[in-house]
Amino acid sequence: MSLPARSPELNPVENLWQFMRDNWIGNRIFQSYDDILDHCCDAWNKIIAQPWRLMSIGLRRWAHAF
């Protein structure tokens, strides 16, 4: 089944980035590009260390019902 156009909420990667923004990256003032890069890498490493969370964010139970 193809994803509908313009529906990022159905893309698991978009949900992963939203989770990281909500928990580790968002609501910050970055001093430089390197600061942004460091915070994003740190957030990515945190989520990689939590495979159970990756699975729960990426799993769409309702999508398997069809």
PDB file of N, CA and C in Angstrom:
ATOM      1  N   MET A   1       0.848  -1.168   0.000  1.00  0.00           N
ATOM      2  CA  MET A   1       0.000   0.000   0.000  1.00  0.00           C
ATOM      3  C   MET A   1       0.897   1.235   0.000  1.00  0.00           C
ATOM      4  N   SER A   2       0.673   2.104  -0.924  1.00  0.00           N
ATOM      5  CA  SER A   2       1.452   3.338  -1.005  1.00  0.00           C
ATOM      6  C   SER A   2       0.935   4.361   0.000  1.00  0.00           C
ATOM      7  N   LEU A   3       1.853   5.184   0.482  1.00  0.00           N
ATOM      8  CA  LEU A   3       1.458   6.262   1.381  1.00  0.00           C
ATOM      9  C   LEU A   3       0.820   7.381   0.570  1.00  0.00           C
ATOM     10  N   PRO A   4      -0.218   8.005   1.091  1.00  0.00           N
ATOM     11  CA  PRO A   4      -0.820   9.139   0.390  1.00  0.00           C
ATOM     12  C   PRO A   4       0.165  10.309   0.320  1.00  0.00           C
ATOM     13  N   ALA A   5       0.039  11.104  -0.705  1.00  0.00           N
ATOM     14  CA  ALA A   5       0.907  12.279  -0.843  1.00  0.00           C
ATOM     15  C   ALA A   5       0.670  13.261   0.300  1.00  0.00           C
ATOM     16  N   ARG A   6       1.720  13.924   0.698  1.00  0.00           N
ATOM     17  CA  ARG A   6       1.668  14.957   1.745  1.00  0.00           C
ATOM     18  C   ARG A   6       1.084  14.438   3.057  1.00  0.00           C
ATOM     19  N   SER A   7       1.594  13.317   3.509  1.00  0.00           N
ATOM     20  CA  SER A   7       1.123  12.753   4.787  1.00  0.00           C
ATOM     21  C   SER A   7       2.321  12.315   5.634  1.00  0.00           C
ATOM     22  N   PRO A   8       3.116  13.269   6.119  1.00  0.00           N
ATOM     23  CA  PRO A   8       4.312  12.904   6.885  1.00  0.00           C
ATOM     24  C   PRO A   8       3.998  12.172   8.187  1.00  0.00           C
ATOM     25  N   GLU A   9       2.784  12.346   8.730  1.00  0.00           N
ATOM     26  CA  GLU A   9       2.444  11.661   9.975  1.00  0.00           C
ATOM     27  C   GLU A   9       2.367  10.152   9.791  1.00  0.00           C
ATOM     28  N   LEU A  10       2.267   9.686   8.556  1.00  0.00           N
ATOM     29  CA  LEU A  10       2.230   8.252   8.292  1.00  0.00           C
ATOM     30  C   LEU A  10       3.619   7.663   8.077  1.00  0.00           C
ATOM     31  N   ASN A  11       4.619   8.499   7.971  1.00  0.00           N
ATOM     32  CA  ASN A  11       5.985   8.046   7.743  1.00  0.00           C
ATOM     33  C   ASN A  11       6.669   7.830   9.096  1.00  0.00           C
ATOM     34  N   PRO A  12       7.083   6.600   9.410  1.00  0.00           N
ATOM     35  CA  PRO A  12       7.693   6.335  10.724  1.00  0.00           C
ATOM     36  C   PRO A  12       8.928   7.189  11.014  1.00  0.00           C
ATOM     37  N   VAL A  13       9.700   7.532   9.996  1.00  0.00           N
ATOM     38  CA  VAL A  13      10.892   8.354  10.229  1.00  0.00           C
ATOM     39  C   VAL A  13      10.491   9.755  10.681  1.00  0.00           C
ATOM     40  N   GLU A  14       9.434  10.286  10.119  1.00  0.00           N
ATOM     41  CA  GLU A  14       8.957  11.600  10.554  1.00  0.00           C
ATOM     42  C   GLU A  14       8.507  11.559  12.008  1.00  0.00           C
ATOM     43  N   ASN A  15       7.876  10.474  12.400  1.00  0.00           N
ATOM     44  CA  ASN A  15       7.462  10.331  13.800  1.00  0.00           C
ATOM     45  C   ASN A  15       8.666  10.209  14.722  1.00  0.00           C
ATOM     46  N   LEU A  16       9.712   9.568  14.245  1.00  0.00           N
ATOM     47  CA  LEU A  16      10.938   9.454  15.031  1.00  0.00           C
ATOM     48  C   LEU A  16      11.567  10.827  15.255  1.00  0.00           C
ATOM     49  N   TRP A  17      11.672  11.621  14.187  1.00  0.00           N
ATOM     50  CA  TRP A  17      12.220  12.972  14.332  1.00  0.00           C
ATOM     51  C   TRP A  17      11.336  13.831  15.234  1.00  0.00           C
ATOM     52  N   GLN A  18      10.029  13.672  15.149  1.00  0.00           N
ATOM     53  CA  GLN A  18       9.126  14.426  16.018  1.00  0.00           C
ATOM     54  C   GLN A  18       9.365  14.065  17.482  1.00  0.00           C
ATOM     55  N   PHE A  19       9.550  12.778  17.763  1.00  0.00           N
ATOM     56  CA  PHE A  19       9.838  12.345  19.131  1.00  0.00           C
ATOM     57  C   PHE A  19      11.139  12.975  19.630  1.00  0.00           C
ATOM     58  N   MET A  20      12.162  12.974  18.787  1.00  0.00           N
ATOM     59  CA  MET A  20      13.445  13.550  19.207  1.00  0.00           C
ATOM     60  C   MET A  20      13.329  15.052  19.408  1.00  0.00           C
ATOM     61  N   ARG A  21      12.572  15.744  18.555  1.00  0.00           N
ATOM     62  CA  ARG A  21      12.357  17.191  18.754  1.00  0.00           C
ATOM     63  C   ARG A  21      11.624  17.448  20.064  1.00  0.00           C
ATOM     64  N   ASP A  22      10.606  16.652  20.328  1.00  0.00           N
ATOM     65  CA  ASP A  22       9.814  16.856  21.543  1.00  0.00           C
ATOM     66  C   ASP A  22      10.608  16.597  22.812  1.00  0.00           C
ATOM     67  N   ASN A  23      11.569  15.681  22.751  1.00  0.00           N
ATOM     68  CA  ASN A  23      12.256  15.255  23.966  1.00  0.00           C
ATOM     69  C   ASN A  23      13.683  15.768  24.127  1.00  0.00           C
ATOM     70  N   TRP A  24      14.398  15.995  23.037  1.00  0.00           N
ATOM     71  CA  TRP A  24      15.819  16.330  23.193  1.00  0.00           C
ATOM     72  C   TRP A  24      16.303  17.522  22.392  1.00  0.00           C
ATOM     73  N   ILE A  25      15.637  17.860  21.312  1.00  0.00           N
ATOM     74  CA  ILE A  25      16.183  18.892  20.423  1.00  0.00           C
ATOM     75  C   ILE A  25      15.378  20.188  20.471  1.00  0.00           C
ATOM     76  N   GLY A  26      14.074  20.093  20.630  1.00  0.00           N
ATOM     77  CA  GLY A  26      13.214  21.267  20.532  1.00  0.00           C
ATOM     78  C   GLY A  26      13.352  22.247  21.682  1.00  0.00           C
ATOM     79  N   ASN A  27      12.840  23.445  21.451  1.00  0.00           N
ATOM     80  CA  ASN A  27      12.823  24.522  22.451  1.00  0.00           C
ATOM     81  C   ASN A  27      14.211  24.870  22.968  1.00  0.00           C
ATOM     82  N   ARG A  28      15.138  24.996  22.054  1.00  0.00           N
ATOM     83  CA  ARG A  28      16.508  25.360  22.398  1.00  0.00           C
ATOM     84  C   ARG A  28      16.964  26.502  21.506  1.00  0.00           C
ATOM     85  N   ILE A  29      17.923  27.226  21.997  1.00  0.00           N
ATOM     86  CA  ILE A  29      18.603  28.223  21.185  1.00  0.00           C
ATOM     87  C   ILE A  29      20.008  27.700  20.949  1.00  0.00           C
ATOM     88  N   PHE A  30      20.310  27.458  19.701  1.00  0.00           N
ATOM     89  CA  PHE A  30      21.624  26.918  19.356  1.00  0.00           C
ATOM     90  C   PHE A  30      22.581  28.057  19.058  1.00  0.00           C
ATOM     91  N   GLN A  31      23.809  27.880  19.469  1.00  0.00           N
ATOM     92  CA  GLN A  31      24.816  28.924  19.302  1.00  0.00           C
ATOM     93  C   GLN A  31      25.452  28.915  17.915  1.00  0.00           C
ATOM     94  N   SER A  32      25.497  27.734  17.304  1.00  0.00           N
ATOM     95  CA  SER A  32      26.151  27.625  16.003  1.00  0.00           C
ATOM     96  C   SER A  32      25.651  26.374  15.294  1.00  0.00           C
ATOM     97  N   TYR A  33      26.069  26.227  14.056  1.00  0.00           N
ATOM     98  CA  TYR A  33      25.725  25.040  13.286  1.00  0.00           C
ATOM     99  C   TYR A  33      26.303  23.793  13.957  1.00  0.00           C
ATOM    100  N   ASP A  34      27.533  23.898  14.450  1.00  0.00           N
ATOM    101  CA  ASP A  34      28.151  22.763  15.136  1.00  0.00           C
ATOM    102  C   ASP A  34      27.372  22.369  16.385  1.00  0.00           C
ATOM    103  N   ASP A  35      26.807  23.336  17.071  1.00  0.00           N
ATOM    104  CA  ASP A  35      25.981  23.069  18.248  1.00  0.00           C
ATOM    105  C   ASP A  35      24.715  22.296  17.848  1.00  0.00           C
ATOM    106  N   ILE A  36      24.104  22.697  16.737  1.00  0.00           N
ATOM    107  CA  ILE A  36      22.933  21.972  16.225  1.00  0.00           C
ATOM    108  C   ILE A  36      23.323  20.542  15.891  1.00  0.00           C
ATOM    109  N   LEU A  37      24.423  20.390  15.195  1.00  0.00           N
ATOM    110  CA  LEU A  37      24.900  19.066  14.800  1.00  0.00           C
ATOM    111  C   LEU A  37      25.197  18.198  16.015  1.00  0.00           C
ATOM    112  N   ASP A  38      25.834  18.768  17.013  1.00  0.00           N
ATOM    113  CA  ASP A  38      26.137  18.008  18.236  1.00  0.00           C
ATOM    114  C   ASP A  38      24.864  17.553  18.943  1.00  0.00           C
ATOM    115  N   HIS A  39      23.880  18.430  19.058  1.00  0.00           N
ATOM    116  CA  HIS A  39      22.629  18.061  19.728  1.00  0.00           C
ATOM    117  C   HIS A  39      21.860  17.005  18.936  1.00  0.00           C
ATOM    118  N   CYS A  40      21.856  17.127  17.617  1.00  0.00           N
ATOM    119  CA  CYS A  40      21.169  16.122  16.794  1.00  0.00           C
ATOM    120  C   CYS A  40      21.857  14.764  16.890  1.00  0.00           C
ATOM    121  N   CYS A  41      23.177  14.761  16.858  1.00  0.00           N
ATOM    122  CA  CYS A  41      23.919  13.497  16.992  1.00  0.00           C
ATOM    123  C   CYS A  41      23.693  12.877  18.361  1.00  0.00           C
ATOM    124  N   ASP A  42      23.667  13.706  19.390  1.00  0.00           N
ATOM    125  CA  ASP A  42      23.411  13.212  20.742  1.00  0.00           C
ATOM    126  C   ASP A  42      22.012  12.612  20.844  1.00  0.00           C
ATOM    127  N   ALA A  43      21.015  13.287  20.272  1.00  0.00           N
ATOM    128  CA  ALA A  43      19.647  12.771  20.283  1.00  0.00           C
ATOM    129  C   ALA A  43      19.565  11.467  19.501  1.00  0.00           C
ATOM    130  N   TRP A  44      20.232  11.411  18.357  1.00  0.00           N
ATOM    131  CA  TRP A  44      20.210  10.196  17.544  1.00  0.00           C
ATOM    132  C   TRP A  44      20.837   9.030  18.308  1.00  0.00           C
ATOM    133  N   ASN A  45      21.956   9.282  18.986  1.00  0.00           N
ATOM    134  CA  ASN A  45      22.611   8.223  19.766  1.00  0.00           C
ATOM    135  C   ASN A  45      21.735   7.765  20.931  1.00  0.00           C
ATOM    136  N   LYS A  46      20.998   8.687  21.530  1.00  0.00           N
ATOM    137  CA  LYS A  46      20.085   8.308  22.618  1.00  0.00           C
ATOM    138  C   LYS A  46      18.980   7.391  22.111  1.00  0.00           C
ATOM    139  N   ILE A  47      18.418   7.712  20.951  1.00  0.00           N
ATOM    140  CA  ILE A  47      17.317   6.894  20.441  1.00  0.00           C
ATOM    141  C   ILE A  47      17.828   5.544  19.947  1.00  0.00           C
ATOM    142  N   ILE A  48      19.024   5.505  19.397  1.00  0.00           N
ATOM    143  CA  ILE A  48      19.602   4.239  18.941  1.00  0.00           C
ATOM    144  C   ILE A  48      19.836   3.306  20.131  1.00  0.00           C
ATOM    145  N   ALA A  49      20.147   3.868  21.285  1.00  0.00           N
ATOM    146  CA  ALA A  49      20.392   3.065  22.490  1.00  0.00           C
ATOM    147  C   ALA A  49      19.098   2.525  23.095  1.00  0.00           C
ATOM    148  N   GLN A  50      17.953   2.897  22.534  1.00  0.00           N
ATOM    149  CA  GLN A  50      16.657   2.452  23.040  1.00  0.00           C
ATOM    150  C   GLN A  50      15.873   1.747  21.931  1.00  0.00           C
ATOM    151  N   PRO A  51      16.272   0.527  21.560  1.00  0.00           N
ATOM    152  CA  PRO A  51      15.602  -0.152  20.435  1.00  0.00           C
ATOM    153  C   PRO A  51      14.118  -0.399  20.677  1.00  0.00           C
ATOM    154  N   TRP A  52      13.708  -0.604  21.916  1.00  0.00           N
ATOM    155  CA  TRP A  52      12.288  -0.807  22.207  1.00  0.00           C
ATOM    156  C   TRP A  52      11.475   0.437  21.862  1.00  0.00           C
ATOM    157  N   ARG A  53      12.057   1.604  22.065  1.00  0.00           N
ATOM    158  CA  ARG A  53      11.357   2.844  21.740  1.00  0.00           C
ATOM    159  C   ARG A  53      11.281   3.030  20.222  1.00  0.00           C
ATOM    160  N   LEU A  54      12.358   2.687  19.536  1.00  0.00           N
ATOM    161  CA  LEU A  54      12.344   2.751  18.073  1.00  0.00           C
ATOM    162  C   LEU A  54      11.229   1.891  17.504  1.00  0.00           C
ATOM    163  N   MET A  55      11.094   0.690  18.035  1.00  0.00           N
ATOM    164  CA  MET A  55      10.054  -0.210  17.541  1.00  0.00           C
ATOM    165  C   MET A  55       8.665   0.343  17.824  1.00  0.00           C
ATOM    166  N   SER A  56       8.469   0.912  19.001  1.00  0.00           N
ATOM    167  CA  SER A  56       7.136   1.414  19.338  1.00  0.00           C
ATOM    168  C   SER A  56       6.771   2.655  18.520  1.00  0.00           C
ATOM    169  N   ILE A  57       7.752   3.486  18.203  1.00  0.00           N
ATOM    170  CA  ILE A  57       7.479   4.673  17.397  1.00  0.00           C
ATOM    171  C   ILE A  57       7.202   4.272  15.949  1.00  0.00           C
ATOM    172  N   GLY A  58       7.956   3.319  15.432  1.00  0.00           N
ATOM    173  CA  GLY A  58       7.813   2.924  14.039  1.00  0.00           C
ATOM    174  C   GLY A  58       6.670   1.975  13.756  1.00  0.00           C
ATOM    175  N   LEU A  59       6.168   1.294  14.776  1.00  0.00           N
ATOM    176  CA  LEU A  59       5.105   0.316  14.566  1.00  0.00           C
ATOM    177  C   LEU A  59       3.751   1.009  14.471  1.00  0.00           C
ATOM    178  N   ARG A  60       3.022   0.681  13.474  1.00  0.00           N
ATOM    179  CA  ARG A  60       1.681   1.220  13.297  1.00  0.00           C
ATOM    180  C   ARG A  60       0.712   0.049  13.285  1.00  0.00           C
ATOM    181  N   ARG A  61       0.167  -0.280  14.438  1.00  0.00           N
ATOM    182  CA  ARG A  61      -0.750  -1.430  14.534  1.00  0.00           C
ATOM    183  C   ARG A  61      -1.963  -1.269  13.623  1.00  0.00           C
ATOM    184  N   TRP A  62      -2.481  -0.037  13.520  1.00  0.00           N
ATOM    185  CA  TRP A  62      -3.660   0.175  12.696  1.00  0.00           C
ATOM    186  C   TRP A  62      -3.370  -0.085  11.225  1.00  0.00           C
ATOM    187  N   ALA A  63      -2.106   0.110  10.797  1.00  0.00           N
ATOM    188  CA  ALA A  63      -1.762  -0.078   9.387  1.00  0.00           C
ATOM    189  C   ALA A  63      -1.773  -1.554   8.995  1.00  0.00           C
ATOM    190  N   HIS A  64      -1.587  -2.442   9.957  1.00  0.00           N
ATOM    191  CA  HIS A  64      -1.570  -3.874   9.683  1.00  0.00           C
ATOM    192  C   HIS A  64      -2.957  -4.490   9.726  1.00  0.00           C
ATOM    193  N   ALA A  65      -3.957  -3.707  10.066  1.00  0.00           N
ATOM    194  CA  ALA A  65      -5.320  -4.235  10.166  1.00  0.00           C
ATOM    195  C   ALA A  65      -6.004  -4.342   8.805  1.00  0.00           C
ATOM    196  N   PHE A  66      -5.424  -3.705   7.783  1.00  0.00           N
ATOM    197  CA  PHE A  66      -6.061  -3.700   6.457  1.00  0.00           C
ATOM    198  C   PHE A  66      -5.597  -4.861   5.618  1.00  0.00           C
TER     199      PHE A  66
END
